[in-house]
Amino acid sequence: MQPVLLFDVNESLLDLKTLEPHFKTHFGDQIMVSEWFDQVIQTAMLSVILGWSRNFSEVGRSALEMVVERHDLSLSENMLSDIVGGMRKLSPHDDVIPALKKLKSLNFRMAALTNSPVAVAQEQLAHAGLIDFFETVISVEEVKTLKPDPKVYRYATEKMKVDPENAYLIAAHAWDVAGAMAIGCKGALIKRFGIASNPIAPVPTIAADSLTSVADLICDTCWYNAD
């Protein structure tokens, strides 16, 4: 039986470097996209740990406000709107479309699993030319928490009507993979430049330096098990 494939969206499928011109326009060389997104993840983790009911848009805004304050800069509503608008128009990483085409041609069931609201994720994936690869888009807003809360992955597998052990979470974030593996899912880590496994977390079922390689390994594993 082929596993169901759950894909993280931001940075796993969509390239946050698309935002660099927006940051350059407003902050020059003082704030990098990576610094902001690291703060986004830290704030999301804090929200999960403390049980705060915060959506991902609030998390993203608060993280940007923190980074701006850290650099003693100012943030206007126009600047915020420009960056938020840019998030809706991210380009896919170069390895994404070839990998998804291969998996789709082999009839894998695929869904996007994201911290973003459904409407935002759908707009992002449509703009990137990816929406038709996915059976559905699943958002954390449906369970009112954020990844890597185990509730998110349980909800996603239930919605896809699959047991966790027959589902893969595919992401370029070690924390996301670890969260899914904590409930029994398989995990595939896309180890693009700057991405590393967490040595105290379960070893990902699959780890490779591109989504195309991850797709190849998933296909090889399914072929081997079927054989």
Protein backbone atom coordinates (compact mmCIF):
# COMPACT_ATOMS: atom_id res chain seq x y z
CA MET A 1 0.00 0.00 0.00
CA GLN A 2 1.41 3.38 -0.99
CA PRO A 3 1.84 5.83 1.89
CA VAL A 4 -0.05 9.11 1.98
CA LEU A 5 2.32 12.05 1.60
CA LEU A 6 1.85 15.19 3.72
CA PHE A 7 3.91 18.20 2.64
CA ASP A 8 4.90 21.24 4.64
CA VAL A 9 4.55 24.37 2.51
CA ASN A 10 6.67 27.35 3.54
CA GLU A 11 10.36 26.76 2.78
CA SER A 12 9.74 23.06 2.11
CA LEU A 13 7.89 23.67 -1.17
CA LEU A 14 8.01 27.46 -1.47
CA ASP A 15 11.25 29.45 -1.44
CA LEU A 16 11.32 32.20 1.18
CA LYS A 17 14.17 33.85 -0.70
CA THR A 18 11.45 35.25 -2.95
CA LEU A 19 10.89 37.74 -0.11
CA GLU A 20 14.44 39.08 -0.18
CA PRO A 21 13.66 42.08 -2.46
CA HIS A 22 10.85 43.12 -0.09
CA PHE A 23 13.17 43.00 2.93
CA LYS A 24 15.90 44.79 0.98
CA THR A 25 13.52 47.59 0.03
CA HIS A 26 12.34 48.20 3.58
CA PHE A 27 15.34 47.25 5.73
CA GLY A 28 18.38 47.37 3.46
CA ASP A 29 20.93 44.82 4.64
CA GLN A 30 19.93 45.07 8.29
CA ILE A 31 17.30 42.32 8.41
CA MET A 32 17.52 39.05 6.51
CA VAL A 33 14.51 36.86 5.69
CA SER A 34 16.16 33.98 7.55
CA GLU A 35 16.35 35.99 10.78
CA TRP A 36 12.66 36.81 10.57
CA PHE A 37 11.62 33.23 9.79
CA ASP A 38 13.76 31.85 12.62
CA GLN A 39 11.85 34.18 14.94
CA VAL A 40 8.56 33.01 13.41
CA ILE A 41 9.42 29.39 14.28
CA GLN A 42 10.55 30.33 17.80
CA THR A 43 7.31 32.22 18.40
CA ALA A 44 5.23 29.36 17.00
CA MET A 45 6.99 26.90 19.30
CA LEU A 46 6.33 29.16 22.29
CA SER A 47 2.66 29.37 21.33
CA VAL A 48 2.41 25.57 21.26
CA ILE A 49 4.25 25.10 24.57
CA LEU A 50 2.20 27.72 26.43
CA GLY A 51 -1.08 26.86 24.75
CA TRP A 52 -1.60 30.30 23.27
CA SER A 53 -4.37 30.43 20.68
CA ARG A 54 -2.55 32.33 17.95
CA ASN A 55 -2.87 31.92 14.19
CA PHE A 56 0.16 31.89 11.93
CA SER A 57 -0.51 35.38 10.60
CA GLU A 58 -0.34 36.77 14.14
CA VAL A 59 2.84 34.80 14.76
CA GLY A 60 4.44 36.14 11.57
CA ARG A 61 3.54 39.72 12.40
CA SER A 62 4.74 39.53 16.00
CA ALA A 63 8.00 37.93 14.87
CA LEU A 64 8.58 40.76 12.38
CA GLU A 65 7.85 43.37 15.05
CA MET A 66 10.39 41.70 17.36
CA VAL A 67 13.11 41.59 14.72
CA VAL A 68 12.48 45.20 13.70
CA GLU A 69 12.68 46.31 17.33
CA ARG A 70 15.87 44.28 17.79
CA HIS A 71 17.49 46.32 15.02
CA ASP A 72 16.04 49.60 16.32
CA LEU A 73 14.06 50.13 13.12
CA SER A 74 10.43 51.03 12.48
CA LEU A 75 7.63 49.02 10.88
CA SER A 76 4.70 50.70 9.14
CA GLU A 77 1.44 49.10 8.08
CA ASN A 78 2.45 49.57 4.44
CA MET A 79 5.71 47.70 5.02
CA LEU A 80 3.89 44.92 6.82
CA SER A 81 1.29 44.64 4.06
CA ASP A 82 4.00 44.44 1.40
CA ILE A 83 5.81 41.60 3.17
CA VAL A 84 2.59 39.73 3.94
CA GLY A 85 1.55 40.14 0.30
CA GLY A 86 4.93 38.78 -0.75
CA MET A 87 4.32 35.64 1.32
CA ARG A 88 1.34 34.90 -0.91
CA LYS A 89 3.50 35.00 -4.05
CA LEU A 90 6.46 32.78 -3.22
CA SER A 91 8.13 30.77 -5.98
CA PRO A 92 8.62 27.02 -5.64
CA HIS A 93 12.09 25.62 -5.09
CA ASP A 94 13.56 24.26 -8.32
CA ASP A 95 13.29 20.64 -7.16
CA VAL A 96 9.60 20.80 -6.25
CA ILE A 97 7.67 20.51 -9.52
CA PRO A 98 9.77 17.61 -10.92
CA ALA A 99 9.38 15.70 -7.65
CA LEU A 100 5.62 16.29 -7.40
CA LYS A 101 5.13 15.34 -11.05
CA LYS A 102 6.87 12.02 -10.47
CA LEU A 103 4.86 11.24 -7.34
CA LYS A 104 1.59 12.28 -8.99
CA SER A 105 2.33 10.09 -12.02
CA LEU A 106 2.66 7.13 -9.65
CA ASN A 107 -0.71 7.93 -8.05
CA PHE A 108 0.50 8.87 -4.58
CA ARG A 109 -2.13 10.63 -2.50
CA MET A 110 -0.70 13.99 -1.49
CA ALA A 111 -1.88 16.79 0.78
CA ALA A 112 -0.37 20.06 1.94
CA LEU A 113 -0.14 20.42 5.72
CA THR A 114 0.59 23.97 6.78
CA ASN A 115 0.64 26.44 9.65
CA SER A 116 -0.85 29.02 7.27
CA PRO A 117 -4.62 29.58 7.02
CA VAL A 118 -6.25 27.45 4.31
CA ALA A 119 -7.12 30.44 2.12
CA VAL A 120 -3.56 31.77 2.26
CA ALA A 121 -2.00 28.37 1.54
CA GLN A 122 -4.36 27.78 -1.37
CA GLU A 123 -3.43 31.17 -2.83
CA GLN A 124 0.28 30.43 -2.33
CA LEU A 125 0.09 27.02 -3.98
CA ALA A 126 -2.04 28.29 -6.84
CA HIS A 127 0.38 31.14 -7.54
CA ALA A 128 3.30 28.68 -7.51
CA GLY A 129 1.53 26.29 -9.91
CA LEU A 130 1.36 23.51 -7.30
CA ILE A 131 -2.27 23.40 -6.17
CA ASP A 132 -3.36 20.68 -8.60
CA PHE A 133 -0.85 18.21 -7.20
CA PHE A 134 -2.68 18.03 -3.89
CA GLU A 135 -5.84 16.24 -2.88
CA THR A 136 -6.48 18.86 -0.21
CA VAL A 137 -4.87 21.60 1.87
CA ILE A 138 -4.94 20.96 5.62
CA SER A 139 -4.35 23.87 7.97
CA VAL A 140 -3.59 24.03 11.67
CA GLU A 141 -6.46 26.52 11.96
CA GLU A 142 -8.76 23.50 11.87
CA VAL A 143 -7.40 22.33 15.24
CA LYS A 144 -6.53 25.78 16.66
CA THR A 145 -2.89 25.11 17.39
CA LEU A 146 0.38 25.13 15.44
CA LYS A 147 2.89 22.57 14.28
CA PRO A 148 4.68 20.72 15.83
CA ASP A 149 1.78 20.08 18.22
CA PRO A 150 0.99 16.34 17.83
CA LYS A 151 -2.71 17.27 17.48
CA VAL A 152 -1.96 18.66 14.02
CA TYR A 153 -0.50 15.44 12.64
CA ARG A 154 -3.19 13.28 14.23
CA TYR A 155 -5.85 15.48 12.67
CA ALA A 156 -4.16 15.34 9.27
CA THR A 157 -3.94 11.54 9.23
CA GLU A 158 -7.54 11.25 10.39
CA LYS A 159 -8.69 13.66 7.67
CA MET A 160 -6.80 11.64 5.06
CA LYS A 161 -8.24 8.41 6.55
CA VAL A 162 -4.81 6.84 6.96
CA ASP A 163 -3.00 5.31 9.91
CA PRO A 164 0.04 7.38 10.98
CA GLU A 165 2.45 4.56 10.17
CA ASN A 166 1.29 4.72 6.55
CA ALA A 167 1.87 8.47 6.19
CA TYR A 168 4.97 10.53 5.48
CA LEU A 169 5.49 14.08 6.65
CA ILE A 170 7.86 15.73 4.16
CA ALA A 171 9.51 18.98 5.23
CA ALA A 172 12.68 21.03 5.23
CA HIS A 173 12.30 21.50 9.00
CA ALA A 174 13.72 18.94 11.45
CA TRP A 175 11.21 20.04 14.11
CA ASP A 176 8.28 19.40 11.75
CA VAL A 177 9.53 15.94 10.86
CA ALA A 178 10.10 15.15 14.54
CA GLY A 179 6.57 16.28 15.43
CA ALA A 180 5.02 13.92 12.90
CA MET A 181 7.26 11.02 13.86
CA ALA A 182 6.22 11.48 17.50
CA ILE A 183 2.74 10.15 16.64
CA GLY A 184 4.07 7.30 14.49
CA CYS A 185 4.29 8.89 11.05
CA LYS A 186 7.29 8.35 8.82
CA GLY A 187 9.40 11.44 8.28
CA ALA A 188 11.29 12.72 5.24
CA LEU A 189 13.71 15.60 5.79
CA ILE A 190 14.73 17.74 2.82
CA LYS A 191 18.27 18.73 3.75
CA ARG A 192 18.73 21.73 1.53
CA PHE A 193 21.63 24.08 2.24
CA GLY A 194 21.66 25.02 5.91
CA ILE A 195 19.26 22.25 7.00
CA ALA A 196 20.45 19.63 9.48
CA SER A 197 18.92 16.72 11.38
CA ASN A 198 18.31 17.15 15.11
CA PRO A 199 20.57 14.64 16.89
CA ILE A 200 18.23 14.21 19.87
CA ALA A 201 15.16 13.60 17.68
CA PRO A 202 14.23 10.31 16.00
CA VAL A 203 16.29 9.72 12.88
CA PRO A 204 14.17 10.67 9.84
CA THR A 205 12.94 7.70 7.85
CA ILE A 206 14.39 9.41 4.79
CA ALA A 207 16.79 12.33 4.49
CA ALA A 208 18.15 13.74 1.23
CA ASP A 209 19.45 17.04 -0.09
CA SER A 210 16.55 17.70 -2.48
CA LEU A 211 12.87 16.93 -2.82
CA THR A 212 13.57 15.03 -6.04
CA SER A 213 15.91 12.72 -4.11
CA VAL A 214 13.35 12.34 -1.33
CA ALA A 215 10.72 11.40 -3.93
CA ASP A 216 13.08 8.85 -5.50
CA LEU A 217 13.76 7.26 -2.11
CA ILE A 218 10.06 7.07 -1.24
CA CYS A 219 9.36 5.42 -4.59
CA ASP A 220 12.25 2.99 -4.13
CA THR A 221 11.04 2.10 -0.64
CA CYS A 222 7.49 1.46 -1.85
CA TRP A 223 8.78 -0.67 -4.73
CA TYR A 224 11.00 -2.69 -2.35
CA ASN A 225 8.18 -3.27 0.16
CA ALA A 226 5.76 -4.27 -2.59
CA ASP A 227 8.33 -6.70 -3.95
